[in-house]
Each structure stands twice: as C-alpha cells, then as structure tokens.
C-alpha cells in the first residue's frame, strides 16, 4: 500500500499542493516540473522592469488607498489563515481607515461578515492576538495592531502592510 505523500510549491504564497498516495503524487511531479521550467523561461524572456517610481511617503503607504478595498485586501490572505489571522487582518484594515488609528472588535467583525466570513468567537480571536502581542489595547474596547502584529501580517499579506 502506498504511503501518503505531498508535493508543495509556494511561489510567493500563491501556493500549489498535490496530496495523495505516493504514486499519485509521482504522476503530478513531471507536470509541475514542466510548469516551473516554463515559468522560469518566461521570467528570463521578460524585459527589464522599468525603474520603480519614487516610494510614497509613510502616510501615503498607510493611507486609505494602499490597501485597496476590503474584499481585495482579504483575498491576499493565504487559504491557511486562521480565524485569528483573519480578525487581525480585518482589525488592521479598520485601524488604517479610522480617525484614532485603532479598531474595535465589532467593527472588524462587521467587515468580515460583510464578506461572508463568520468567526466563531471574534472577541476570543482578539484576545489571542493580545496574548501573542500582535495587538494591544488603546482604550476600553479599542485596539491597535503592534509592530509584531504588522510583521505577522506582512508574512501573510506581503508588502501591502508597511514596515
């Protein structure tokens, strides 16, 4: 009997994964290698990129337009993101669009439910982020994403989250 095997390609978190019996995974391996070779060839044929425009100021990169719409922003989360990660991402988005640079659990959860994402216990998700020091309390019921939280979001979402 074949053992379970997995073949995984990340390519900047767009991810591709094949899982099944070892025989099944071996059948997929040549196809994936061929795909990776074509991607590498295409990258070599691409013209040199134009010089990047001047970097926006910190406030511009943190401003309302940098994250895009909430739906677009959420789509950047990998499929492996947990409810705690989703709440952290929603909190950061709400924080960036608030006047006091903070978010409330209810506001972040409302954004998620508008996108069809129902968390089991939103308050517990925020509490876990507080315990992990990714979020800290600013006022009663108002939170702010910490540098550690931003770093975690950068791992999940990429450069859309500024340093």
N, C-alpha and C. Protein backbone atom coordinates (compact mmCIF):
# COMPACT_ATOMS: atom_id res chain seq x y z
N UNK A 1 0.84 -1.20 0.00
CA UNK A 1 0.00 0.00 0.00
C UNK A 1 0.88 1.25 0.00
N UNK A 2 0.57 2.20 -0.87
CA UNK A 2 1.35 3.43 -0.96
C UNK A 2 1.11 4.31 0.27
N UNK A 3 2.18 4.95 0.71
CA UNK A 3 2.05 5.91 1.80
C UNK A 3 1.58 7.24 1.26
N UNK A 4 1.03 8.08 2.14
CA UNK A 4 0.58 9.42 1.74
C UNK A 4 1.80 10.27 1.45
N UNK A 5 1.70 11.07 0.41
CA UNK A 5 2.80 11.95 0.04
C UNK A 5 2.21 13.30 -0.34
N UNK A 6 3.07 14.30 -0.32
CA UNK A 6 2.62 15.65 -0.65
C UNK A 6 3.72 16.35 -1.43
N UNK A 7 3.30 17.06 -2.46
CA UNK A 7 4.19 17.90 -3.26
C UNK A 7 3.66 19.31 -3.13
N UNK A 8 4.51 20.24 -2.74
CA UNK A 8 4.05 21.60 -2.47
C UNK A 8 5.00 22.60 -3.12
N UNK A 9 4.43 23.59 -3.81
CA UNK A 9 5.18 24.69 -4.42
C UNK A 9 4.59 25.96 -3.86
N UNK A 10 5.41 26.92 -3.41
CA UNK A 10 4.90 28.13 -2.78
C UNK A 10 4.83 29.31 -3.73
N UNK A 11 5.87 29.62 -4.48
CA UNK A 11 5.93 30.76 -5.40
C UNK A 11 5.28 32.01 -4.83
N UNK A 12 5.84 32.47 -3.76
CA UNK A 12 5.39 33.73 -3.16
C UNK A 12 3.98 33.63 -2.59
N UNK A 13 3.62 32.50 -1.98
CA UNK A 13 2.37 32.25 -1.28
C UNK A 13 1.15 32.11 -2.20
N UNK A 14 1.37 31.97 -3.47
CA UNK A 14 0.22 31.65 -4.32
C UNK A 14 -0.09 30.17 -4.18
N UNK A 15 0.89 29.39 -3.80
CA UNK A 15 0.81 28.01 -3.40
C UNK A 15 0.14 27.07 -4.39
N UNK A 16 0.63 25.87 -4.44
CA UNK A 16 0.07 24.79 -5.23
C UNK A 16 0.43 23.53 -4.47
N UNK A 17 -0.50 22.65 -4.24
CA UNK A 17 -0.22 21.49 -3.42
C UNK A 17 -0.92 20.28 -4.01
N UNK A 18 -0.21 19.16 -4.09
CA UNK A 18 -0.79 17.90 -4.52
C UNK A 18 -0.56 16.93 -3.38
N UNK A 19 -1.63 16.27 -2.94
CA UNK A 19 -1.50 15.34 -1.83
C UNK A 19 -2.27 14.08 -2.17
N UNK A 20 -1.73 12.96 -1.83
CA UNK A 20 -2.39 11.69 -2.08
C UNK A 20 -1.39 10.57 -1.90
N UNK A 21 -1.67 9.46 -2.56
CA UNK A 21 -0.74 8.34 -2.47
C UNK A 21 0.56 8.74 -3.16
N UNK A 22 1.63 8.04 -2.82
CA UNK A 22 2.93 8.38 -3.40
C UNK A 22 2.89 8.22 -4.92
N UNK A 23 2.18 7.22 -5.42
CA UNK A 23 2.05 7.01 -6.86
C UNK A 23 1.35 8.19 -7.52
N UNK A 24 0.27 8.64 -6.91
CA UNK A 24 -0.49 9.77 -7.44
C UNK A 24 0.38 11.02 -7.50
N UNK A 25 1.11 11.30 -6.44
CA UNK A 25 1.97 12.48 -6.39
C UNK A 25 3.09 12.36 -7.42
N UNK A 26 3.65 11.18 -7.60
CA UNK A 26 4.70 10.98 -8.61
C UNK A 26 4.17 11.26 -10.02
N UNK A 27 2.89 10.97 -10.28
CA UNK A 27 2.30 11.26 -11.58
C UNK A 27 2.26 12.77 -11.83
N UNK A 28 2.08 13.55 -10.79
CA UNK A 28 1.99 15.00 -10.93
C UNK A 28 3.35 15.68 -11.01
N UNK A 29 4.38 15.07 -10.46
CA UNK A 29 5.69 15.70 -10.38
C UNK A 29 6.22 16.18 -11.73
N UNK A 30 6.19 15.38 -12.80
CA UNK A 30 6.71 15.88 -14.09
C UNK A 30 5.92 17.08 -14.62
N UNK A 31 4.63 17.09 -14.41
CA UNK A 31 3.82 18.22 -14.87
C UNK A 31 4.21 19.51 -14.16
N UNK A 32 4.42 19.39 -12.88
CA UNK A 32 4.78 20.58 -12.09
C UNK A 32 6.18 21.04 -12.46
N UNK A 33 7.11 20.10 -12.64
CA UNK A 33 8.46 20.48 -13.06
C UNK A 33 8.42 21.20 -14.40
N UNK A 34 7.61 20.71 -15.32
CA UNK A 34 7.46 21.35 -16.63
C UNK A 34 6.90 22.77 -16.47
N UNK A 35 5.90 22.91 -15.62
CA UNK A 35 5.31 24.22 -15.37
C UNK A 35 6.34 25.18 -14.79
N UNK A 36 7.12 24.72 -13.83
CA UNK A 36 8.15 25.56 -13.22
C UNK A 36 9.21 25.97 -14.24
N UNK A 37 9.58 25.05 -15.13
CA UNK A 37 10.55 25.39 -16.18
C UNK A 37 9.99 26.46 -17.11
N UNK A 38 8.70 26.33 -17.48
CA UNK A 38 8.08 27.34 -18.35
C UNK A 38 8.02 28.69 -17.65
N UNK A 39 7.73 28.69 -16.36
CA UNK A 39 7.71 29.94 -15.61
C UNK A 39 9.10 30.58 -15.58
N UNK A 40 10.13 29.76 -15.38
CA UNK A 40 11.49 30.28 -15.35
C UNK A 40 11.87 30.83 -16.73
N UNK A 41 11.50 30.12 -17.80
CA UNK A 41 11.80 30.59 -19.15
C UNK A 41 11.08 31.90 -19.44
N UNK A 42 9.83 32.00 -19.02
CA UNK A 42 9.06 33.23 -19.23
C UNK A 42 9.69 34.39 -18.47
N UNK A 43 10.18 34.12 -17.28
CA UNK A 43 10.81 35.17 -16.48
C UNK A 43 12.09 35.67 -17.15
N UNK A 44 12.83 34.77 -17.79
CA UNK A 44 14.06 35.16 -18.48
C UNK A 44 13.76 36.00 -19.70
N UNK A 45 12.62 35.76 -20.36
CA UNK A 45 12.26 36.47 -21.58
C UNK A 45 11.63 37.83 -21.30
N UNK A 46 11.27 38.07 -20.07
CA UNK A 46 10.63 39.34 -19.72
C UNK A 46 11.64 40.47 -19.85
N UNK A 47 11.22 41.62 -20.35
CA UNK A 47 12.14 42.75 -20.43
C UNK A 47 12.48 43.25 -19.03
N UNK A 48 13.57 43.98 -18.95
CA UNK A 48 13.97 44.58 -17.68
C UNK A 48 12.86 45.48 -17.17
N UNK A 49 12.52 45.38 -15.91
CA UNK A 49 11.46 46.24 -15.39
C UNK A 49 11.90 47.70 -15.39
N UNK A 50 10.94 48.56 -15.59
CA UNK A 50 11.21 50.00 -15.55
C UNK A 50 11.58 50.36 -14.12
N UNK A 51 12.38 51.40 -13.95
CA UNK A 51 12.72 51.79 -12.58
C UNK A 51 11.46 52.10 -11.79
N UNK A 52 11.48 51.69 -10.55
CA UNK A 52 10.31 51.89 -9.68
C UNK A 52 10.09 53.37 -9.45
N UNK A 53 8.82 53.78 -9.39
CA UNK A 53 8.56 55.18 -9.08
C UNK A 53 9.01 55.49 -7.66
N UNK A 54 9.15 56.75 -7.39
CA UNK A 54 9.59 57.16 -6.05
C UNK A 54 8.68 56.55 -5.00
N UNK A 55 9.27 56.09 -3.93
CA UNK A 55 8.49 55.46 -2.87
C UNK A 55 7.55 56.49 -2.25
N UNK A 56 6.30 56.07 -2.00
CA UNK A 56 5.37 57.01 -1.38
C UNK A 56 5.78 57.30 0.05
N UNK A 57 5.32 58.41 0.55
CA UNK A 57 5.61 58.73 1.94
C UNK A 57 4.95 57.70 2.84
N UNK A 58 5.39 57.62 4.07
CA UNK A 58 4.85 56.63 5.00
C UNK A 58 3.35 56.80 5.16
N UNK A 59 2.89 58.01 5.26
CA UNK A 59 1.46 58.24 5.44
C UNK A 59 0.67 57.79 4.21
N UNK A 60 1.23 58.03 3.00
CA UNK A 60 0.55 57.58 1.79
C UNK A 60 0.47 56.06 1.75
N UNK A 61 1.56 55.40 2.13
CA UNK A 61 1.54 53.94 2.08
C UNK A 61 0.62 53.36 3.14
N UNK A 62 0.38 54.09 4.21
CA UNK A 62 -0.53 53.62 5.24
C UNK A 62 -1.94 54.16 5.02
N UNK A 63 -2.10 55.00 4.04
CA UNK A 63 -3.38 55.65 3.82
C UNK A 63 -4.44 54.73 3.27
N UNK A 64 -5.60 55.30 3.01
CA UNK A 64 -6.76 54.53 2.61
C UNK A 64 -6.55 53.79 1.30
N UNK A 65 -5.82 54.34 0.34
CA UNK A 65 -5.70 53.71 -0.96
C UNK A 65 -4.70 52.57 -1.01
N UNK A 66 -3.78 52.48 -0.09
CA UNK A 66 -2.71 51.49 -0.16
C UNK A 66 -3.24 50.06 -0.01
N UNK A 67 -4.28 49.87 0.75
CA UNK A 67 -4.78 48.52 1.00
C UNK A 67 -5.82 48.08 -0.02
N UNK A 68 -6.39 49.01 -0.78
CA UNK A 68 -7.44 48.66 -1.72
C UNK A 68 -8.76 48.47 -0.98
N UNK A 69 -9.71 47.84 -1.65
CA UNK A 69 -10.98 47.56 -0.98
C UNK A 69 -10.79 46.42 0.01
N UNK A 70 -11.69 46.30 0.95
CA UNK A 70 -11.55 45.26 1.97
C UNK A 70 -11.58 43.86 1.34
N UNK A 71 -12.44 43.67 0.36
CA UNK A 71 -12.52 42.37 -0.30
C UNK A 71 -11.22 42.00 -0.99
N UNK A 72 -10.62 42.96 -1.71
CA UNK A 72 -9.34 42.71 -2.38
C UNK A 72 -8.25 42.41 -1.35
N UNK A 73 -8.27 43.16 -0.28
CA UNK A 73 -7.30 43.01 0.80
C UNK A 73 -7.40 41.60 1.41
N UNK A 74 -8.62 41.16 1.67
CA UNK A 74 -8.82 39.84 2.28
C UNK A 74 -8.39 38.71 1.35
N UNK A 75 -8.57 38.90 0.05
CA UNK A 75 -8.18 37.86 -0.90
C UNK A 75 -6.69 37.59 -0.89
N UNK A 76 -5.90 38.51 -0.36
CA UNK A 76 -4.45 38.30 -0.27
C UNK A 76 -4.08 37.30 0.83
N UNK A 77 -5.00 37.07 1.77
CA UNK A 77 -4.71 36.12 2.84
C UNK A 77 -4.58 34.71 2.25
N UNK A 78 -3.60 33.94 2.69
CA UNK A 78 -3.50 32.56 2.19
C UNK A 78 -4.65 31.71 2.72
N UNK A 79 -4.92 30.62 2.04
CA UNK A 79 -6.03 29.75 2.44
C UNK A 79 -5.78 29.12 3.81
N UNK A 80 -4.55 29.11 4.25
CA UNK A 80 -4.20 28.52 5.55
C UNK A 80 -4.40 29.49 6.71
N UNK A 81 -4.86 30.71 6.44
CA UNK A 81 -5.04 31.71 7.51
C UNK A 81 -6.11 31.23 8.49
N UNK A 82 -5.84 31.45 9.76
CA UNK A 82 -6.79 31.06 10.81
C UNK A 82 -7.79 32.19 11.06
N UNK A 83 -8.80 31.91 11.89
CA UNK A 83 -9.75 32.95 12.26
C UNK A 83 -9.04 34.10 12.98
N UNK A 84 -8.04 33.77 13.78
CA UNK A 84 -7.27 34.80 14.49
C UNK A 84 -6.54 35.69 13.48
N UNK A 85 -5.98 35.07 12.44
CA UNK A 85 -5.30 35.84 11.38
C UNK A 85 -6.29 36.73 10.64
N UNK A 86 -7.47 36.20 10.35
CA UNK A 86 -8.49 36.99 9.64
C UNK A 86 -8.92 38.20 10.48
N UNK A 87 -9.12 37.97 11.77
CA UNK A 87 -9.52 39.07 12.65
C UNK A 87 -8.40 40.10 12.76
N UNK A 88 -7.16 39.65 12.83
CA UNK A 88 -6.02 40.57 12.88
C UNK A 88 -5.97 41.40 11.61
N UNK A 89 -6.14 40.77 10.47
CA UNK A 89 -6.11 41.48 9.19
C UNK A 89 -7.27 42.47 9.10
N UNK A 90 -8.45 42.06 9.52
CA UNK A 90 -9.61 42.96 9.50
C UNK A 90 -9.39 44.13 10.46
N UNK A 91 -8.85 43.84 11.64
CA UNK A 91 -8.57 44.90 12.59
C UNK A 91 -7.58 45.91 12.05
N UNK A 92 -6.54 45.42 11.38
CA UNK A 92 -5.55 46.32 10.80
C UNK A 92 -6.20 47.20 9.73
N UNK A 93 -7.04 46.60 8.90
CA UNK A 93 -7.71 47.37 7.84
C UNK A 93 -8.59 48.46 8.45
N UNK A 94 -9.39 48.09 9.45
CA UNK A 94 -10.27 49.07 10.11
C UNK A 94 -9.43 50.15 10.77
N UNK A 95 -8.33 49.75 11.41
CA UNK A 95 -7.44 50.71 12.07
C UNK A 95 -6.90 51.73 11.08
N UNK A 96 -6.51 51.28 9.90
CA UNK A 96 -5.94 52.18 8.90
C UNK A 96 -6.99 53.16 8.37
N UNK A 97 -8.25 52.82 8.49
CA UNK A 97 -9.32 53.69 7.99
C UNK A 97 -10.03 54.46 9.11
N UNK A 98 -9.51 54.35 10.33
CA UNK A 98 -10.16 55.05 11.44
C UNK A 98 -9.43 56.36 11.74
N UNK A 99 -10.13 57.26 12.41
CA UNK A 99 -9.54 58.55 12.75
C UNK A 99 -8.60 58.46 13.96
N UNK A 100 -8.83 57.49 14.84
CA UNK A 100 -8.00 57.37 16.04
C UNK A 100 -6.93 56.28 15.93
N UNK A 101 -6.72 55.73 14.73
CA UNK A 101 -5.69 54.71 14.50
C UNK A 101 -5.87 53.52 15.43
N UNK A 102 -7.13 53.07 15.59
CA UNK A 102 -7.44 51.92 16.42
C UNK A 102 -8.68 51.24 15.83
N UNK A 103 -8.98 50.04 16.34
CA UNK A 103 -10.16 49.33 15.86
C UNK A 103 -10.90 48.71 17.04
N UNK A 104 -12.18 48.46 16.84
CA UNK A 104 -13.00 47.76 17.81
C UNK A 104 -13.31 46.37 17.24
N UNK A 105 -13.45 45.39 18.10
CA UNK A 105 -13.74 44.03 17.67
C UNK A 105 -14.99 44.00 16.79
N UNK A 106 -16.02 44.71 17.20
CA UNK A 106 -17.28 44.71 16.46
C UNK A 106 -17.13 45.27 15.05
N UNK A 107 -16.34 46.33 14.90
CA UNK A 107 -16.14 46.94 13.58
C UNK A 107 -15.40 45.97 12.65
N UNK A 108 -14.37 45.34 13.16
CA UNK A 108 -13.60 44.39 12.35
C UNK A 108 -14.46 43.19 11.99
N UNK A 109 -15.23 42.69 12.95
CA UNK A 109 -16.09 41.54 12.68
C UNK A 109 -17.18 41.89 11.67
N UNK A 110 -17.69 43.12 11.74
CA UNK A 110 -18.71 43.56 10.78
C UNK A 110 -18.16 43.51 9.36
N UNK A 111 -16.93 43.97 9.19
CA UNK A 111 -16.29 43.92 7.87
C UNK A 111 -16.18 42.49 7.37
N UNK A 112 -15.80 41.58 8.27
CA UNK A 112 -15.67 40.17 7.87
C UNK A 112 -17.02 39.57 7.49
N UNK A 113 -18.05 39.84 8.28
CA UNK A 113 -19.37 39.28 7.97
C UNK A 113 -19.92 39.84 6.67
N UNK A 114 -19.58 41.08 6.33
CA UNK A 114 -20.00 41.66 5.04
C UNK A 114 -19.39 40.88 3.88
N UNK A 115 -18.25 40.22 4.12
CA UNK A 115 -17.59 39.42 3.09
C UNK A 115 -17.96 37.94 3.19
N UNK A 116 -18.91 37.63 4.06
CA UNK A 116 -19.36 36.24 4.20
C UNK A 116 -18.48 35.40 5.10
N UNK A 117 -17.65 36.02 5.91
CA UNK A 117 -16.77 35.28 6.82
C UNK A 117 -17.34 35.38 8.22
N UNK A 118 -17.75 34.25 8.77
CA UNK A 118 -18.35 34.21 10.11
C UNK A 118 -17.35 33.57 11.05
N UNK A 119 -16.89 34.34 12.01
CA UNK A 119 -15.96 33.82 13.02
C UNK A 119 -16.76 33.23 14.18
N UNK A 120 -16.22 32.16 14.75
CA UNK A 120 -16.89 31.53 15.87
C UNK A 120 -16.98 32.44 17.08
N UNK A 121 -15.87 33.08 17.44
CA UNK A 121 -15.84 33.95 18.60
C UNK A 121 -14.85 35.09 18.34
N UNK A 122 -15.33 36.18 17.75
CA UNK A 122 -14.43 37.29 17.40
C UNK A 122 -13.66 37.85 18.59
N UNK A 123 -14.31 37.97 19.73
CA UNK A 123 -13.63 38.51 20.92
C UNK A 123 -12.46 37.63 21.33
N UNK A 124 -12.65 36.32 21.25
CA UNK A 124 -11.58 35.40 21.61
C UNK A 124 -10.41 35.53 20.63
N UNK A 125 -10.70 35.78 19.35
CA UNK A 125 -9.64 35.98 18.36
C UNK A 125 -8.79 37.19 18.72
N UNK A 126 -9.44 38.27 19.13
CA UNK A 126 -8.70 39.48 19.53
C UNK A 126 -7.90 39.19 20.80
N UNK A 127 -8.50 38.47 21.74
CA UNK A 127 -7.78 38.14 22.98
C UNK A 127 -6.53 37.32 22.69
N UNK A 128 -6.63 36.38 21.74
CA UNK A 128 -5.46 35.58 21.38
C UNK A 128 -4.38 36.46 20.74
N UNK A 129 -4.79 37.44 19.96
CA UNK A 129 -3.82 38.36 19.36
C UNK A 129 -3.17 39.23 20.44
N UNK A 130 -3.94 39.61 21.46
CA UNK A 130 -3.38 40.37 22.57
C UNK A 130 -2.34 39.52 23.30
N UNK A 131 -2.68 38.26 23.57
CA UNK A 131 -1.75 37.36 24.26
C UNK A 131 -0.48 37.12 23.43
N UNK A 132 -0.63 37.10 22.11
CA UNK A 132 0.53 36.90 21.23
C UNK A 132 1.28 38.21 20.98
N UNK A 133 0.80 39.29 21.59
CA UNK A 133 1.39 40.63 21.48
C UNK A 133 1.37 41.16 20.05
N UNK A 134 0.36 40.75 19.30
CA UNK A 134 0.17 41.28 17.95
C UNK A 134 -0.77 42.47 17.97
N UNK A 135 -1.48 42.62 19.08
CA UNK A 135 -2.46 43.69 19.27
C UNK A 135 -2.33 44.16 20.71
N UNK A 136 -2.55 45.46 20.94
CA UNK A 136 -2.59 45.95 22.32
C UNK A 136 -3.79 46.88 22.47
N UNK A 137 -4.26 46.98 23.71
CA UNK A 137 -5.44 47.79 23.99
C UNK A 137 -5.03 49.25 24.12
N UNK A 138 -5.78 50.13 23.44
CA UNK A 138 -5.53 51.56 23.50
C UNK A 138 -6.47 52.18 24.52
N UNK A 139 -7.74 51.93 24.38
CA UNK A 139 -8.78 52.34 25.31
C UNK A 139 -9.68 51.14 25.52
N UNK A 140 -10.61 51.25 26.42
CA UNK A 140 -11.54 50.15 26.64
C UNK A 140 -12.27 49.84 25.33
N UNK A 141 -12.08 48.63 24.84
CA UNK A 141 -12.75 48.20 23.62
C UNK A 141 -12.09 48.64 22.33
N UNK A 142 -10.99 49.37 22.41
CA UNK A 142 -10.27 49.84 21.21
C UNK A 142 -8.86 49.24 21.23
N UNK A 143 -8.45 48.72 20.09
CA UNK A 143 -7.16 48.03 19.99
C UNK A 143 -6.35 48.61 18.84
N UNK A 144 -5.05 48.36 18.89
CA UNK A 144 -4.15 48.78 17.82
C UNK A 144 -3.21 47.61 17.52
N UNK A 145 -2.93 47.40 16.25
CA UNK A 145 -2.02 46.34 15.82
C UNK A 145 -0.59 46.79 16.13
N UNK A 146 0.17 45.95 16.81
CA UNK A 146 1.55 46.26 17.20
C UNK A 146 2.51 46.01 16.04
N UNK A 147 3.76 46.37 16.24
CA UNK A 147 4.79 46.10 15.24
C UNK A 147 4.91 44.60 15.00
N UNK A 148 4.81 43.83 16.07
CA UNK A 148 4.86 42.37 15.95
C UNK A 148 3.67 41.88 15.11
N UNK A 149 2.52 42.49 15.31
CA UNK A 149 1.34 42.14 14.52
C UNK A 149 1.50 42.51 13.06
N UNK A 150 2.09 43.68 12.82
CA UNK A 150 2.35 44.09 11.43
C UNK A 150 3.31 43.13 10.75
N UNK A 151 4.32 42.71 11.48
CA UNK A 151 5.29 41.76 10.94
C UNK A 151 4.59 40.45 10.56
N UNK A 152 3.70 40.00 11.42
CA UNK A 152 2.94 38.77 11.14
C UNK A 152 2.05 38.96 9.91
N UNK A 153 1.40 40.11 9.82
CA UNK A 153 0.56 40.39 8.65
C UNK A 153 1.39 40.49 7.38
N UNK A 154 2.60 41.03 7.48
CA UNK A 154 3.49 41.12 6.32
C UNK A 154 3.83 39.72 5.80
N UNK A 155 4.00 38.78 6.72
CA UNK A 155 4.27 37.39 6.32
C UNK A 155 3.07 36.81 5.57
N UNK A 156 1.87 37.19 6.01
CA UNK A 156 0.66 36.66 5.39
C UNK A 156 0.28 37.40 4.11
N UNK A 157 0.41 38.72 4.12
CA UNK A 157 -0.13 39.56 3.04
C UNK A 157 0.92 40.16 2.12
N UNK A 158 2.17 40.10 2.52
CA UNK A 158 3.22 40.67 1.69
C UNK A 158 3.41 42.15 1.92
N UNK A 159 3.95 42.85 0.92
CA UNK A 159 4.35 44.25 1.09
C UNK A 159 3.20 45.24 1.21
N UNK A 160 1.96 44.79 1.10
CA UNK A 160 0.84 45.73 1.26
C UNK A 160 0.82 46.31 2.66
N UNK A 161 1.40 45.57 3.62
CA UNK A 161 1.49 46.05 5.00
C UNK A 161 2.84 46.72 5.17
N UNK A 162 2.88 48.03 5.41
CA UNK A 162 4.16 48.72 5.51
C UNK A 162 4.94 48.35 6.76
N UNK A 163 6.24 48.64 6.72
CA UNK A 163 7.14 48.36 7.86
C UNK A 163 6.68 49.08 9.04
